[in-house]
C-alpha atoms as a PDB file:
ATOM      1  CA  UNK A   1     136.929  78.784 161.369  1.00  0.00           C
ATOM      2  CA  UNK A   2     134.994  76.416 158.834  1.00  0.00           C
ATOM      3  CA  UNK A   3     133.057  74.485 161.745  1.00  0.00           C
ATOM      4  CA  UNK A   4     131.881  77.456 163.348  1.00  0.00           C
ATOM      5  CA  UNK A   5     130.501  79.114 160.324  1.00  0.00           C
ATOM      6  CA  UNK A   6     128.751  76.139 159.330  1.00  0.00           C
ATOM      7  CA  UNK A   7     126.976  76.232 162.702  1.00  0.00           C
ATOM      8  CA  UNK A   8     126.261  79.856 162.212  1.00  0.00           C
ATOM      9  CA  UNK A   9     124.646  79.285 159.042  1.00  0.00           C
ATOM     10  CA  UNK A  10     122.239  76.578 160.585  1.00  0.00           C
ATOM     11  CA  UNK A  11     121.382  78.621 163.563  1.00  0.00           C
ATOM     12  CA  UNK A  12     117.660  79.809 163.652  1.00  0.00           C
ATOM     13  CA  UNK A  13     118.758  83.447 164.372  1.00  0.00           C
ATOM     14  CA  UNK A  14     120.680  83.634 161.007  1.00  0.00           C
ATOM     15  CA  UNK A  15     118.090  81.659 159.299  1.00  0.00           C
ATOM     16  CA  UNK A  16     114.957  83.648 160.551  1.00  0.00           C
ATOM     17  CA  UNK A  17     116.078  87.137 161.323  1.00  0.00           C
ATOM     18  CA  UNK A  18     117.932  88.191 158.124  1.00  0.00           C
ATOM     19  CA  UNK A  19     116.267  88.624 154.778  1.00  0.00           C
ATOM     20  CA  UNK A  20     117.604  86.065 151.893  1.00  0.00           C
ATOM     21  CA  UNK A  21     119.561  89.127 150.381  1.00  0.00           C
ATOM     22  CA  UNK A  22     120.991  89.811 153.479  1.00  0.00           C
ATOM     23  CA  UNK A  23     121.995  86.003 154.208  1.00  0.00           C
ATOM     24  CA  UNK A  24     123.496  85.655 151.091  1.00  0.00           C
ATOM     25  CA  UNK A  25     125.569  89.008 151.262  1.00  0.00           C
ATOM     26  CA  UNK A  26     126.799  88.126 154.918  1.00  0.00           C
ATOM     27  CA  UNK A  27     127.722  84.442 153.727  1.00  0.00           C
ATOM     28  CA  UNK A  28     129.659  85.829 150.787  1.00  0.00           C
ATOM     29  CA  UNK A  29     131.656  88.099 152.945  1.00  0.00           C
ATOM     30  CA  UNK A  30     132.554  85.948 155.618  1.00  0.00           C
ATOM     31  CA  UNK A  31     133.350  83.055 152.878  1.00  0.00           C
ATOM     32  CA  UNK A  32     135.493  85.555 151.229  1.00  0.00           C
ATOM     33  CA  UNK A  33     137.350  86.319 154.392  1.00  0.00           C
ATOM     34  CA  UNK A  34     137.633  82.415 155.203  1.00  0.00           C
ATOM     35  CA  UNK A  35     139.358  81.874 151.831  1.00  0.00           C
ATOM     36  CA  UNK A  36     141.594  85.110 152.490  1.00  0.00           C
ATOM     37  CA  UNK A  37     142.742  84.263 155.957  1.00  0.00           C
ATOM     38  CA  UNK A  38     142.712  80.521 155.994  1.00  0.00           C
ATOM     39  CA  UNK A  39     140.717  78.176 158.694  1.00  0.00           C
ATOM     40  CA  UNK A  40     142.141  79.809 161.853  1.00  0.00           C
ATOM     41  CA  UNK A  41     140.492  78.670 164.804  1.00  0.00           C
ATOM     42  CA  UNK A  42     138.251  81.216 166.348  1.00  0.00           C
ATOM     43  CA  UNK A  43     139.581  80.780 169.738  1.00  0.00           C
ATOM     44  CA  UNK A  44     143.055  82.044 168.346  1.00  0.00           C
ATOM     45  CA  UNK A  45     141.400  85.318 167.142  1.00  0.00           C
ATOM     46  CA  UNK A  46     142.799  88.412 168.789  1.00  0.00           C
ATOM     47  CA  UNK A  47     142.239  92.151 168.706  1.00  0.00           C
ATOM     48  CA  UNK A  48     144.734  92.680 165.750  1.00  0.00           C
ATOM     49  CA  UNK A  49     142.588  90.027 163.623  1.00  0.00           C
ATOM     50  CA  UNK A  50     139.188  91.706 164.411  1.00  0.00           C
ATOM     51  CA  UNK A  51     140.648  95.037 163.974  1.00  0.00           C
ATOM     52  CA  UNK A  52     142.225  93.872 160.432  1.00  0.00           C
ATOM     53  CA  UNK A  53     138.672  92.307 159.460  1.00  0.00           C
ATOM     54  CA  UNK A  54     136.802  95.548 160.684  1.00  0.00           C
ATOM     55  CA  UNK A  55     138.848  97.630 158.436  1.00  0.00           C
ATOM     56  CA  UNK A  56     138.836  95.668 155.303  1.00  0.00           C
ATOM     57  CA  UNK A  57     135.192  95.306 155.441  1.00  0.00           C
ATOM     58  CA  UNK A  58     134.224  98.886 156.764  1.00  0.00           C
ATOM     59  CA  UNK A  59     132.118  99.671 153.506  1.00  0.00           C
ATOM     60  CA  UNK A  60     130.004  96.576 154.027  1.00  0.00           C
ATOM     61  CA  UNK A  61     129.095  96.990 157.533  1.00  0.00           C
ATOM     62  CA  UNK A  62     129.331  93.158 157.729  1.00  0.00           C
ATOM     63  CA  UNK A  63     131.864  92.214 160.537  1.00  0.00           C
ATOM     64  CA  UNK A  64     132.698  89.297 162.482  1.00  0.00           C
ATOM     65  CA  UNK A  65     130.508  90.620 165.150  1.00  0.00           C
ATOM     66  CA  UNK A  66     127.703  88.206 164.963  1.00  0.00           C
ATOM     67  CA  UNK A  67     129.922  85.166 164.545  1.00  0.00           C
ATOM     68  CA  UNK A  68     131.591  86.082 167.745  1.00  0.00           C
ATOM     69  CA  UNK A  69     128.331  86.441 169.283  1.00  0.00           C
ATOM     70  CA  UNK A  70     127.192  83.566 168.075  1.00  0.00           C
ATOM     71  CA  UNK A  71     130.570  81.785 169.629  1.00  0.00           C
ATOM     72  CA  UNK A  72     129.955  83.417 172.946  1.00  0.00           C
ATOM     73  CA  UNK A  73     126.254  82.366 173.318  1.00  0.00           C
ATOM     74  CA  UNK A  74     126.981  79.129 172.342  1.00  0.00           C
ATOM     75  CA  UNK A  75     130.038  78.435 174.836  1.00  0.00           C
ATOM     76  CA  UNK A  76     132.680  77.963 171.847  1.00  0.00           C
ATOM     77  CA  UNK A  77     134.673  80.911 173.191  1.00  0.00           C
ATOM     78  CA  UNK A  78     134.891  82.637 176.480  1.00  0.00           C
ATOM     79  CA  UNK A  79     136.429  85.824 175.674  1.00  0.00           C
ATOM     80  CA  UNK A  80     135.152  88.427 173.194  1.00  0.00           C
ATOM     81  CA  UNK A  81     138.223  89.495 171.350  1.00  0.00           C
ATOM     82  CA  UNK A  82     135.968  92.361 169.832  1.00  0.00           C
ATOM     83  CA  UNK A  83     135.539  93.936 173.262  1.00  0.00           C
ATOM     84  CA  UNK A  84     138.594  96.187 172.603  1.00  0.00           C
ATOM     85  CA  UNK A  85     137.935  96.948 169.046  1.00  0.00           C
ATOM     86  CA  UNK A  86     135.890  99.845 168.514  1.00  0.00           C
ATOM     87  CA  UNK A  87     133.397 100.501 165.806  1.00  0.00           C
ATOM     88  CA  UNK A  88     133.879 102.587 162.839  1.00  0.00           C
ATOM     89  CA  UNK A  89     131.685 105.222 162.395  1.00  0.00           C
ATOM     90  CA  UNK A  90     129.904 105.504 158.899  1.00  0.00           C
ATOM     91  CA  UNK A  91     126.515 106.431 157.437  1.00  0.00           C
ATOM     92  CA  UNK A  92     124.491 104.930 154.825  1.00  0.00           C
ATOM     93  CA  UNK A  93     121.571 105.468 152.729  1.00  0.00           C
ATOM     94  CA  UNK A  94     120.119 102.320 154.131  1.00  0.00           C
ATOM     95  CA  UNK A  95     119.769  98.844 152.669  1.00  0.00           C
ATOM     96  CA  UNK A  96     116.392  97.235 151.420  1.00  0.00           C
ATOM     97  CA  UNK A  97     115.838  93.939 149.802  1.00  0.00           C
END
């Protein structure tokens, strides 16, 4: 996971399409998840792992979705483990930088 996160943080989409505050928050949440669950290979992620991450990070709306999408787009994985995990419904007042 460490290697894929390094590649994700270096990609243009992450650096050009997210504001500085959003990048810092996302990096903090993903790093915390990495520290909590260890350096599991992204190719070993299953629905149960994604569901657990989704539920634990529900209040932040930051999930593994962008990392999974990045891995799929860059041929790091060929199966989307998030396909069978429904999104949580939530409401927000919005987030501004």
